[in-house]
Structure formats: C-alpha cells, structure tokens
C-alpha cells in the first residue's frame, strides 16, 4: 500500500467567537467575530473599496468595513436585524469621525 502524507496547515487564524461587547446592540444567530471580518477585509480590499453584504444580519461586515476605511452597502430583510446593524454602523462611523479630532 502507498505512503500516506499528512498536510500541515501553517497559517491558521485563531479568532474567538464574538464576545458580549460585540452583542451589546443585539444578537444574531450567525454573527461573525469582528476581528475575522476586519482581517478578511484588510487582506482582500483596498481603502475606499466598496463592500457589499447582501445578508447583513447584525452588521459586523459594515463595522469592519468602516473601521478599515472601506465604503459599505448592506442589505437585510429582517427589520430587527437591520435596526441593529444600522445602530452599530452609525456608532462605527461616529468613532471614525471622533478619531480624527483626538
């Protein structure tokens, strides 16, 4: 029989699940960690690129986009999750504006 090779993954992102501070505005059943989305966005886009999230949920992609100076369009059918995302995104925008004056 043949020799079995084992692949070793050398670059694994170790990112914890969303903490309570990420769910302050509300909870979504499939919410992603902000650090994961920030890392994906930073690795795959440039500043001022436009990011579309057609299933916005609680808005984590929008927050990560804003923090990384990307433009963002989010679509959400559920009014409750839309409101949560909108609040989170407005806070993220305000944090960006506030950081300009510190």
C-alpha atoms as a PDB file:
ATOM      1  CA  UNK A   1       0.000   0.000   0.000  1.00  0.00           C
ATOM      2  CA  UNK A   2       1.029   3.592  -0.530  1.00  0.00           C
ATOM      3  CA  UNK A   3       2.534   6.026   1.876  1.00  0.00           C
ATOM      4  CA  UNK A   4       0.004   8.419   3.433  1.00  0.00           C
ATOM      5  CA  UNK A   5       1.052  12.071   3.554  1.00  0.00           C
ATOM      6  CA  UNK A   6      -0.293  14.458   6.132  1.00  0.00           C
ATOM      7  CA  UNK A   7      -0.668  18.123   5.301  1.00  0.00           C
ATOM      8  CA  UNK A   8       0.317  20.604   7.947  1.00  0.00           C
ATOM      9  CA  UNK A   9      -1.525  23.883   7.927  1.00  0.00           C
ATOM     10  CA  UNK A  10       0.909  26.563   8.972  1.00  0.00           C
ATOM     11  CA  UNK A  11      -1.280  29.657   8.801  1.00  0.00           C
ATOM     12  CA  UNK A  12      -4.387  29.273  10.894  1.00  0.00           C
ATOM     13  CA  UNK A  13      -6.261  32.283  12.147  1.00  0.00           C
ATOM     14  CA  UNK A  14      -7.122  31.816  15.782  1.00  0.00           C
ATOM     15  CA  UNK A  15     -10.038  34.158  16.432  1.00  0.00           C
ATOM     16  CA  UNK A  16     -12.506  33.685  19.294  1.00  0.00           C
ATOM     17  CA  UNK A  17     -16.272  33.781  18.844  1.00  0.00           C
ATOM     18  CA  UNK A  18     -17.996  37.171  19.254  1.00  0.00           C
ATOM     19  CA  UNK A  19     -17.820  38.401  22.833  1.00  0.00           C
ATOM     20  CA  UNK A  20     -20.565  40.140  24.789  1.00  0.00           C
ATOM     21  CA  UNK A  21     -19.178  43.545  23.786  1.00  0.00           C
ATOM     22  CA  UNK A  22     -19.946  42.676  20.138  1.00  0.00           C
ATOM     23  CA  UNK A  23     -23.520  41.717  21.012  1.00  0.00           C
ATOM     24  CA  UNK A  24     -24.366  44.790  23.077  1.00  0.00           C
ATOM     25  CA  UNK A  25     -26.845  46.045  20.462  1.00  0.00           C
ATOM     26  CA  UNK A  26     -28.488  42.660  19.908  1.00  0.00           C
ATOM     27  CA  UNK A  27     -27.725  39.087  18.996  1.00  0.00           C
ATOM     28  CA  UNK A  28     -27.752  37.383  15.612  1.00  0.00           C
ATOM     29  CA  UNK A  29     -27.630  33.569  15.375  1.00  0.00           C
ATOM     30  CA  UNK A  30     -24.739  33.570  12.866  1.00  0.00           C
ATOM     31  CA  UNK A  31     -22.826  36.658  13.971  1.00  0.00           C
ATOM     32  CA  UNK A  32     -19.163  36.584  12.965  1.00  0.00           C
ATOM     33  CA  UNK A  33     -16.304  37.926  15.103  1.00  0.00           C
ATOM     34  CA  UNK A  34     -15.362  41.489  14.148  1.00  0.00           C
ATOM     35  CA  UNK A  35     -11.666  40.538  14.100  1.00  0.00           C
ATOM     36  CA  UNK A  36     -12.361  37.869  11.466  1.00  0.00           C
ATOM     37  CA  UNK A  37     -14.189  40.304   9.176  1.00  0.00           C
ATOM     38  CA  UNK A  38     -11.555  43.017   9.699  1.00  0.00           C
ATOM     39  CA  UNK A  39      -8.811  40.587   8.743  1.00  0.00           C
ATOM     40  CA  UNK A  40     -10.635  39.363   5.629  1.00  0.00           C
ATOM     41  CA  UNK A  41     -11.419  42.922   4.524  1.00  0.00           C
ATOM     42  CA  UNK A  42      -7.871  44.173   5.123  1.00  0.00           C
ATOM     43  CA  UNK A  43      -6.433  41.195   3.206  1.00  0.00           C
ATOM     44  CA  UNK A  44      -8.760  41.359   0.208  1.00  0.00           C
ATOM     45  CA  UNK A  45      -9.605  45.036  -0.362  1.00  0.00           C
ATOM     46  CA  UNK A  46      -8.056  48.484  -0.502  1.00  0.00           C
ATOM     47  CA  UNK A  47      -9.068  51.683   1.313  1.00  0.00           C
ATOM     48  CA  UNK A  48     -12.201  53.230  -0.214  1.00  0.00           C
ATOM     49  CA  UNK A  49     -13.192  49.970  -1.964  1.00  0.00           C
ATOM     50  CA  UNK A  50     -16.919  49.235  -1.891  1.00  0.00           C
ATOM     51  CA  UNK A  51     -18.037  46.172   0.062  1.00  0.00           C
ATOM     52  CA  UNK A  52     -21.493  44.645  -0.436  1.00  0.00           C
ATOM     53  CA  UNK A  53     -23.083  42.383   2.172  1.00  0.00           C
ATOM     54  CA  UNK A  54     -26.435  41.183   0.786  1.00  0.00           C
ATOM     55  CA  UNK A  55     -27.237  39.324   4.028  1.00  0.00           C
ATOM     56  CA  UNK A  56     -26.143  41.967   6.542  1.00  0.00           C
ATOM     57  CA  UNK A  57     -27.553  40.427   9.704  1.00  0.00           C
ATOM     58  CA  UNK A  58     -26.360  42.450  12.686  1.00  0.00           C
ATOM     59  CA  UNK A  59     -23.885  44.466  10.617  1.00  0.00           C
ATOM     60  CA  UNK A  60     -20.472  43.091  11.537  1.00  0.00           C
ATOM     61  CA  UNK A  61     -19.207  43.367   7.952  1.00  0.00           C
ATOM     62  CA  UNK A  62     -20.293  47.014   7.900  1.00  0.00           C
ATOM     63  CA  UNK A  63     -18.498  47.800  11.153  1.00  0.00           C
ATOM     64  CA  UNK A  64     -15.333  46.079   9.917  1.00  0.00           C
ATOM     65  CA  UNK A  65     -15.581  47.954   6.599  1.00  0.00           C
ATOM     66  CA  UNK A  66     -15.961  51.308   8.301  1.00  0.00           C
ATOM     67  CA  UNK A  67     -13.070  50.642  10.697  1.00  0.00           C
ATOM     68  CA  UNK A  68     -10.872  49.762   7.710  1.00  0.00           C
ATOM     69  CA  UNK A  69     -11.907  52.862   5.730  1.00  0.00           C
ATOM     70  CA  UNK A  70     -13.975  50.988   3.145  1.00  0.00           C
ATOM     71  CA  UNK A  71     -17.341  52.020   1.785  1.00  0.00           C
ATOM     72  CA  UNK A  72     -20.194  49.673   2.600  1.00  0.00           C
ATOM     73  CA  UNK A  73     -23.619  48.666   1.321  1.00  0.00           C
ATOM     74  CA  UNK A  74     -25.652  46.255   3.414  1.00  0.00           C
ATOM     75  CA  UNK A  75     -28.986  44.593   2.658  1.00  0.00           C
ATOM     76  CA  UNK A  76     -31.145  42.947   5.316  1.00  0.00           C
ATOM     77  CA  UNK A  77     -34.738  41.713   5.034  1.00  0.00           C
ATOM     78  CA  UNK A  78     -35.336  41.381   8.793  1.00  0.00           C
ATOM     79  CA  UNK A  79     -36.256  44.788  10.224  1.00  0.00           C
ATOM     80  CA  UNK A  80     -34.977  43.952  13.714  1.00  0.00           C
ATOM     81  CA  UNK A  81     -31.532  42.931  12.426  1.00  0.00           C
ATOM     82  CA  UNK A  82     -31.492  45.909  10.052  1.00  0.00           C
ATOM     83  CA  UNK A  83     -32.044  48.243  13.012  1.00  0.00           C
ATOM     84  CA  UNK A  84     -29.270  46.544  14.999  1.00  0.00           C
ATOM     85  CA  UNK A  85     -26.885  46.817  12.036  1.00  0.00           C
ATOM     86  CA  UNK A  86     -27.825  50.428  11.409  1.00  0.00           C
ATOM     87  CA  UNK A  87     -27.109  51.369  15.036  1.00  0.00           C
ATOM     88  CA  UNK A  88     -23.767  49.524  15.009  1.00  0.00           C
ATOM     89  CA  UNK A  89     -22.724  51.132  11.717  1.00  0.00           C
ATOM     90  CA  UNK A  90     -23.681  54.631  12.875  1.00  0.00           C
ATOM     91  CA  UNK A  91     -21.575  54.154  16.018  1.00  0.00           C
ATOM     92  CA  UNK A  92     -18.650  52.889  13.914  1.00  0.00           C
ATOM     93  CA  UNK A  93     -18.902  55.958  11.647  1.00  0.00           C
ATOM     94  CA  UNK A  94     -19.035  58.271  14.653  1.00  0.00           C
ATOM     95  CA  UNK A  95     -15.974  56.563  16.155  1.00  0.00           C
ATOM     96  CA  UNK A  96     -14.109  57.187  12.891  1.00  0.00           C
ATOM     97  CA  UNK A  97     -15.095  60.862  12.884  1.00  0.00           C
ATOM     98  CA  UNK A  98     -14.205  61.244  16.560  1.00  0.00           C
ATOM     99  CA  UNK A  99     -10.763  59.698  15.977  1.00  0.00           C
ATOM    100  CA  UNK A 100      -9.967  62.491  13.502  1.00  0.00           C
ATOM    101  CA  UNK A 101     -10.166  65.054  16.290  1.00  0.00           C
ATOM    102  CA  UNK A 102      -8.206  63.320  19.026  1.00  0.00           C
END
